[in-house]
Amino acid sequence: MQAMSILTYKDIDRSLLEAIPNPTGQAYEIKTKIPEFTFLGVKEQPDFAAIYLTFYPGKKIIELRSLKHYVFQLRNTVVSYERLINIFYDDLMAVYEPERLRIVMICNPRGGISSKLTIDSDWKARGGKENFNDWQRVEDEWDITM
């Protein structure tokens, strides 16, 4: 039996992501849930999370099969979830150039502690214009139902 090779965050391959043309120039929102997001934590132990993408397309939209392949490569990738959400964000922004991208990553408990990470391209801290105000609401609930 062949051993799996362990990758690091430097090996994450953005080229797996493919875009398809946006079929309309009209404004709309695409929500995507990745309920079985898995990767290896910094101690090479499996980490599990649910990812929620809120995507306001520009000229391109996400080709979901390629997103699945991109996510699948992470199963053998050693990376902290803080670094991972930033790489994931940068890759999606670079490939799809959306009007807006929001990523919420809810990590399963590890050692009795859970984490929720969020990045939104609308934030001024991320170069956004703060055109949308839905992220400004306080969210205490971690379970998101779509």
C-alpha atoms as a PDB file:
ATOM      1  CA  MET A   1       0.000   0.000   0.000  1.00  0.00           C
ATOM      2  CA  GLN A   2       1.361   3.391  -1.017  1.00  0.00           C
ATOM      3  CA  ALA A   3       1.666   6.130   1.607  1.00  0.00           C
ATOM      4  CA  MET A   4      -0.098   9.430   0.943  1.00  0.00           C
ATOM      5  CA  SER A   5       2.158  12.392   0.474  1.00  0.00           C
ATOM      6  CA  ILE A   6       1.651  15.201   2.957  1.00  0.00           C
ATOM      7  CA  LEU A   7       1.477  18.671   1.431  1.00  0.00           C
ATOM      8  CA  THR A   8       1.858  22.107   2.991  1.00  0.00           C
ATOM      9  CA  TYR A   9      -0.017  25.333   2.344  1.00  0.00           C
ATOM     10  CA  LYS A  10       2.634  26.208  -0.267  1.00  0.00           C
ATOM     11  CA  ASP A  11       1.387  23.270  -2.371  1.00  0.00           C
ATOM     12  CA  ILE A  12      -2.236  24.456  -2.641  1.00  0.00           C
ATOM     13  CA  ASP A  13      -2.958  24.608  -6.378  1.00  0.00           C
ATOM     14  CA  ARG A  14      -5.144  27.551  -7.377  1.00  0.00           C
ATOM     15  CA  SER A  15      -5.076  26.389 -11.017  1.00  0.00           C
ATOM     16  CA  LEU A  16      -7.638  23.689 -10.132  1.00  0.00           C
ATOM     17  CA  LEU A  17     -10.289  26.436  -9.917  1.00  0.00           C
ATOM     18  CA  GLU A  18     -12.140  27.076 -13.177  1.00  0.00           C
ATOM     19  CA  ALA A  19     -14.506  29.871 -14.054  1.00  0.00           C
ATOM     20  CA  ILE A  20     -17.456  29.971 -16.398  1.00  0.00           C
ATOM     21  CA  PRO A  21     -18.957  33.148 -17.832  1.00  0.00           C
ATOM     22  CA  ASN A  22     -21.672  34.810 -15.790  1.00  0.00           C
ATOM     23  CA  PRO A  23     -24.845  34.294 -17.850  1.00  0.00           C
ATOM     24  CA  THR A  24     -26.225  37.693 -16.870  1.00  0.00           C
ATOM     25  CA  GLY A  25     -25.025  41.173 -16.080  1.00  0.00           C
ATOM     26  CA  GLN A  26     -27.707  41.563 -13.439  1.00  0.00           C
ATOM     27  CA  ALA A  27     -26.959  41.615  -9.713  1.00  0.00           C
ATOM     28  CA  TYR A  28     -27.606  38.394  -7.816  1.00  0.00           C
ATOM     29  CA  GLU A  29     -26.231  36.349  -4.942  1.00  0.00           C
ATOM     30  CA  ILE A  30     -24.921  32.796  -5.032  1.00  0.00           C
ATOM     31  CA  LYS A  31     -24.637  30.880  -1.755  1.00  0.00           C
ATOM     32  CA  THR A  32     -22.570  27.717  -1.651  1.00  0.00           C
ATOM     33  CA  LYS A  33     -22.147  25.367   1.294  1.00  0.00           C
ATOM     34  CA  ILE A  34     -19.227  22.949   1.645  1.00  0.00           C
ATOM     35  CA  PRO A  35     -20.343  20.820   4.613  1.00  0.00           C
ATOM     36  CA  GLU A  36     -17.431  18.344   4.566  1.00  0.00           C
ATOM     37  CA  PHE A  37     -14.403  20.621   4.331  1.00  0.00           C
ATOM     38  CA  THR A  38     -11.397  18.636   5.576  1.00  0.00           C
ATOM     39  CA  PHE A  39      -7.686  19.372   5.904  1.00  0.00           C
ATOM     40  CA  LEU A  40      -4.787  18.470   8.156  1.00  0.00           C
ATOM     41  CA  GLY A  41      -4.112  20.755  11.092  1.00  0.00           C
ATOM     42  CA  VAL A  42      -0.604  21.807  12.015  1.00  0.00           C
ATOM     43  CA  LYS A  43      -0.144  18.620  14.061  1.00  0.00           C
ATOM     44  CA  GLU A  44      -1.073  16.545  10.959  1.00  0.00           C
ATOM     45  CA  GLN A  45      -4.387  15.568  12.544  1.00  0.00           C
ATOM     46  CA  PRO A  46      -7.587  15.848  10.499  1.00  0.00           C
ATOM     47  CA  ASP A  47      -9.606  19.007  10.940  1.00  0.00           C
ATOM     48  CA  PHE A  48     -13.202  19.346   9.796  1.00  0.00           C
ATOM     49  CA  ALA A  49     -15.210  22.453   8.993  1.00  0.00           C
ATOM     50  CA  ALA A  50     -18.259  23.694   7.164  1.00  0.00           C
ATOM     51  CA  ILE A  51     -17.633  26.499   4.678  1.00  0.00           C
ATOM     52  CA  TYR A  52     -20.306  28.981   3.607  1.00  0.00           C
ATOM     53  CA  LEU A  53     -19.584  31.118   0.555  1.00  0.00           C
ATOM     54  CA  THR A  54     -21.623  34.192  -0.323  1.00  0.00           C
ATOM     55  CA  PHE A  55     -20.692  35.226  -3.841  1.00  0.00           C
ATOM     56  CA  TYR A  56     -21.814  38.251  -5.847  1.00  0.00           C
ATOM     57  CA  PRO A  57     -20.495  37.489  -9.327  1.00  0.00           C
ATOM     58  CA  GLY A  58     -18.772  39.843 -11.697  1.00  0.00           C
ATOM     59  CA  LYS A  59     -18.054  38.489 -15.176  1.00  0.00           C
ATOM     60  CA  LYS A  60     -17.292  34.949 -13.924  1.00  0.00           C
ATOM     61  CA  ILE A  61     -18.972  32.376 -11.722  1.00  0.00           C
ATOM     62  CA  ILE A  62     -17.602  29.348  -9.896  1.00  0.00           C
ATOM     63  CA  GLU A  63     -17.541  26.076 -11.806  1.00  0.00           C
ATOM     64  CA  LEU A  64     -18.560  23.796  -8.916  1.00  0.00           C
ATOM     65  CA  ARG A  65     -16.775  20.655 -10.113  1.00  0.00           C
ATOM     66  CA  SER A  66     -13.467  22.532 -10.053  1.00  0.00           C
ATOM     67  CA  LEU A  67     -14.260  23.899  -6.590  1.00  0.00           C
ATOM     68  CA  LYS A  68     -14.762  20.312  -5.440  1.00  0.00           C
ATOM     69  CA  HIS A  69     -11.350  19.316  -6.844  1.00  0.00           C
ATOM     70  CA  TYR A  70      -9.717  22.343  -5.234  1.00  0.00           C
ATOM     71  CA  VAL A  71     -11.242  21.492  -1.854  1.00  0.00           C
ATOM     72  CA  PHE A  72     -10.379  17.794  -2.208  1.00  0.00           C
ATOM     73  CA  GLN A  73      -6.648  18.585  -2.498  1.00  0.00           C
ATOM     74  CA  LEU A  74      -6.769  20.057   1.016  1.00  0.00           C
ATOM     75  CA  ARG A  75      -7.433  16.681   2.634  1.00  0.00           C
ATOM     76  CA  ASN A  76      -3.689  15.957   2.580  1.00  0.00           C
ATOM     77  CA  THR A  77      -2.552  19.523   3.238  1.00  0.00           C
ATOM     78  CA  VAL A  78      -1.051  20.563   6.568  1.00  0.00           C
ATOM     79  CA  VAL A  79      -2.187  24.106   7.314  1.00  0.00           C
ATOM     80  CA  SER A  80      -3.661  26.116  10.165  1.00  0.00           C
ATOM     81  CA  TYR A  81      -7.247  27.150   9.595  1.00  0.00           C
ATOM     82  CA  GLU A  82      -6.284  30.792  10.041  1.00  0.00           C
ATOM     83  CA  ARG A  83      -3.864  30.546   7.117  1.00  0.00           C
ATOM     84  CA  LEU A  84      -6.216  28.334   5.113  1.00  0.00           C
ATOM     85  CA  ILE A  85      -9.169  30.723   5.097  1.00  0.00           C
ATOM     86  CA  ASN A  86      -6.860  33.490   3.861  1.00  0.00           C
ATOM     87  CA  ILE A  87      -5.406  31.340   1.062  1.00  0.00           C
ATOM     88  CA  PHE A  88      -8.903  30.149   0.081  1.00  0.00           C
ATOM     89  CA  TYR A  89     -10.112  33.763  -0.011  1.00  0.00           C
ATOM     90  CA  ASP A  90      -7.124  34.973  -2.049  1.00  0.00           C
ATOM     91  CA  ASP A  91      -7.496  32.131  -4.556  1.00  0.00           C
ATOM     92  CA  LEU A  92     -11.249  32.661  -5.060  1.00  0.00           C
ATOM     93  CA  MET A  93     -10.794  36.431  -5.419  1.00  0.00           C
ATOM     94  CA  ALA A  94      -7.961  36.012  -7.947  1.00  0.00           C
ATOM     95  CA  VAL A  95      -9.738  33.456 -10.130  1.00  0.00           C
ATOM     96  CA  TYR A  96     -13.323  34.771 -10.057  1.00  0.00           C
ATOM     97  CA  GLU A  97     -12.940  38.528  -9.394  1.00  0.00           C
ATOM     98  CA  PRO A  98     -16.375  38.738  -7.736  1.00  0.00           C
ATOM     99  CA  GLU A  99     -18.188  41.917  -6.807  1.00  0.00           C
ATOM    100  CA  ARG A 100     -18.254  40.490  -3.294  1.00  0.00           C
ATOM    101  CA  LEU A 101     -17.025  37.342  -1.575  1.00  0.00           C
ATOM    102  CA  ARG A 102     -17.777  36.345   2.002  1.00  0.00           C
ATOM    103  CA  ILE A 103     -16.373  33.162   3.514  1.00  0.00           C
ATOM    104  CA  VAL A 104     -17.505  31.772   6.853  1.00  0.00           C
ATOM    105  CA  MET A 105     -15.573  28.772   8.148  1.00  0.00           C
ATOM    106  CA  ILE A 106     -17.029  26.954  11.149  1.00  0.00           C
ATOM    107  CA  CYS A 107     -14.497  24.479  12.503  1.00  0.00           C
ATOM    108  CA  ASN A 108     -15.554  21.409  14.424  1.00  0.00           C
ATOM    109  CA  PRO A 109     -14.390  21.259  18.040  1.00  0.00           C
ATOM    110  CA  ARG A 110     -10.818  20.179  18.610  1.00  0.00           C
ATOM    111  CA  GLY A 111      -9.764  19.649  22.202  1.00  0.00           C
ATOM    112  CA  GLY A 112     -13.131  20.998  23.302  1.00  0.00           C
ATOM    113  CA  ILE A 113     -12.719  24.322  21.456  1.00  0.00           C
ATOM    114  CA  SER A 114     -14.543  25.423  18.288  1.00  0.00           C
ATOM    115  CA  SER A 115     -13.648  28.322  16.029  1.00  0.00           C
ATOM    116  CA  LYS A 116     -15.539  30.434  13.527  1.00  0.00           C
ATOM    117  CA  LEU A 117     -13.567  32.484  11.000  1.00  0.00           C
ATOM    118  CA  THR A 118     -15.009  35.035   8.577  1.00  0.00           C
ATOM    119  CA  ILE A 119     -13.567  37.095   5.719  1.00  0.00           C
ATOM    120  CA  ASP A 120     -15.616  39.549   3.647  1.00  0.00           C
ATOM    121  CA  SER A 121     -14.270  41.458   0.655  1.00  0.00           C
ATOM    122  CA  ASP A 122     -16.664  44.285   1.582  1.00  0.00           C
ATOM    123  CA  TRP A 123     -14.673  45.169   4.707  1.00  0.00           C
ATOM    124  CA  LYS A 124     -12.542  48.307   4.409  1.00  0.00           C
ATOM    125  CA  ALA A 125      -9.740  46.350   6.081  1.00  0.00           C
ATOM    126  CA  ARG A 126      -9.804  44.061   3.006  1.00  0.00           C
ATOM    127  CA  GLY A 127      -9.947  46.923   0.526  1.00  0.00           C
ATOM    128  CA  GLY A 128     -13.761  46.914   0.294  1.00  0.00           C
ATOM    129  CA  LYS A 129     -16.106  49.869   0.168  1.00  0.00           C
ATOM    130  CA  GLU A 130     -18.548  48.635   2.812  1.00  0.00           C
ATOM    131  CA  ASN A 131     -21.417  48.787   0.312  1.00  0.00           C
ATOM    132  CA  PHE A 132     -23.263  45.974   2.081  1.00  0.00           C
ATOM    133  CA  ASN A 133     -24.323  46.082   5.706  1.00  0.00           C
ATOM    134  CA  ASP A 134     -25.468  42.524   6.368  1.00  0.00           C
ATOM    135  CA  TRP A 135     -22.071  41.618   7.880  1.00  0.00           C
ATOM    136  CA  GLN A 136     -22.420  44.382  10.456  1.00  0.00           C
ATOM    137  CA  ARG A 137     -25.120  42.515  12.352  1.00  0.00           C
ATOM    138  CA  VAL A 138     -23.963  40.675  15.442  1.00  0.00           C
ATOM    139  CA  GLU A 139     -24.106  36.932  14.912  1.00  0.00           C
ATOM    140  CA  ASP A 140     -24.132  34.768  18.004  1.00  0.00           C
ATOM    141  CA  GLU A 141     -25.497  31.679  16.315  1.00  0.00           C
ATOM    142  CA  TRP A 142     -22.905  29.384  14.812  1.00  0.00           C
ATOM    143  CA  ASP A 143     -25.152  26.816  13.209  1.00  0.00           C
ATOM    144  CA  ILE A 144     -26.141  28.168   9.817  1.00  0.00           C
ATOM    145  CA  THR A 145     -28.934  26.455   7.957  1.00  0.00           C
ATOM    146  CA  MET A 146     -29.128  26.909   4.223  1.00  0.00           C
END
